[in-house]
């Protein structure tokens, strides 16, 4: 365990709050729902995509 809060992109996308063009949390959607970005995990690539 790394001790860091991270979320794999596939799991993060299930929230429907991810901008699929950038792979980051959508600031527009977070604003609509009043969710502070600071309370969300860092999004990281899936192990399959990192293996290349």
Protein backbone atom coordinates (compact mmCIF):
# COMPACT_ATOMS: atom_id res chain seq x y z
CA UNK A 1 0.00 0.00 0.00
CA UNK A 2 1.24 3.45 -0.88
CA UNK A 3 -0.65 5.43 1.73
CA UNK A 4 -1.88 7.74 -1.03
CA UNK A 5 -5.51 8.14 -2.06
CA UNK A 6 -5.82 7.13 -5.71
CA UNK A 7 -8.54 5.85 -7.97
CA UNK A 8 -8.03 3.88 -11.18
CA UNK A 9 -9.55 5.65 -14.22
CA UNK A 10 -12.03 2.82 -14.90
CA UNK A 11 -13.47 3.04 -11.41
CA UNK A 12 -13.44 6.84 -11.40
CA UNK A 13 -15.35 6.96 -14.69
CA UNK A 14 -18.21 5.02 -13.11
CA UNK A 15 -19.00 8.11 -11.05
CA UNK A 16 -19.77 9.91 -14.33
CA UNK A 17 -17.83 12.89 -12.98
CA UNK A 18 -14.75 12.25 -15.15
CA UNK A 19 -14.04 14.25 -18.29
CA UNK A 20 -13.25 11.40 -20.69
CA UNK A 21 -11.25 13.73 -22.93
CA UNK A 22 -8.77 14.60 -20.19
CA UNK A 23 -9.04 11.68 -17.77
CA UNK A 24 -9.48 14.13 -14.90
CA UNK A 25 -12.42 15.12 -12.75
CA UNK A 26 -14.75 17.41 -14.70
CA UNK A 27 -14.66 20.80 -13.05
CA UNK A 28 -18.00 21.66 -14.69
CA UNK A 29 -19.75 18.60 -13.25
CA UNK A 30 -18.16 19.01 -9.86
CA UNK A 31 -19.50 22.56 -9.84
CA UNK A 32 -23.00 21.46 -10.84
CA UNK A 33 -23.16 18.97 -7.99
CA UNK A 34 -21.27 21.11 -5.47
CA UNK A 35 -18.47 18.57 -4.99
CA UNK A 36 -15.09 20.02 -3.96
CA UNK A 37 -12.30 18.50 -6.07
CA UNK A 38 -10.11 18.35 -2.96
CA UNK A 39 -12.29 15.62 -1.48
CA UNK A 40 -11.79 13.27 -4.47
CA UNK A 41 -9.01 10.78 -5.07
CA UNK A 42 -6.26 11.36 -7.61
CA UNK A 43 -7.12 9.57 -10.86
CA UNK A 44 -4.40 7.20 -12.12
CA UNK A 45 -4.15 5.06 -15.27
CA UNK A 46 -5.31 1.48 -15.11
CA UNK A 47 -2.52 -1.10 -14.73
CA UNK A 48 -3.36 -2.52 -18.18
CA UNK A 49 -2.86 0.82 -19.91
CA UNK A 50 0.31 1.54 -17.94
CA UNK A 51 1.83 -1.77 -19.08
CA UNK A 52 1.60 -0.59 -22.67
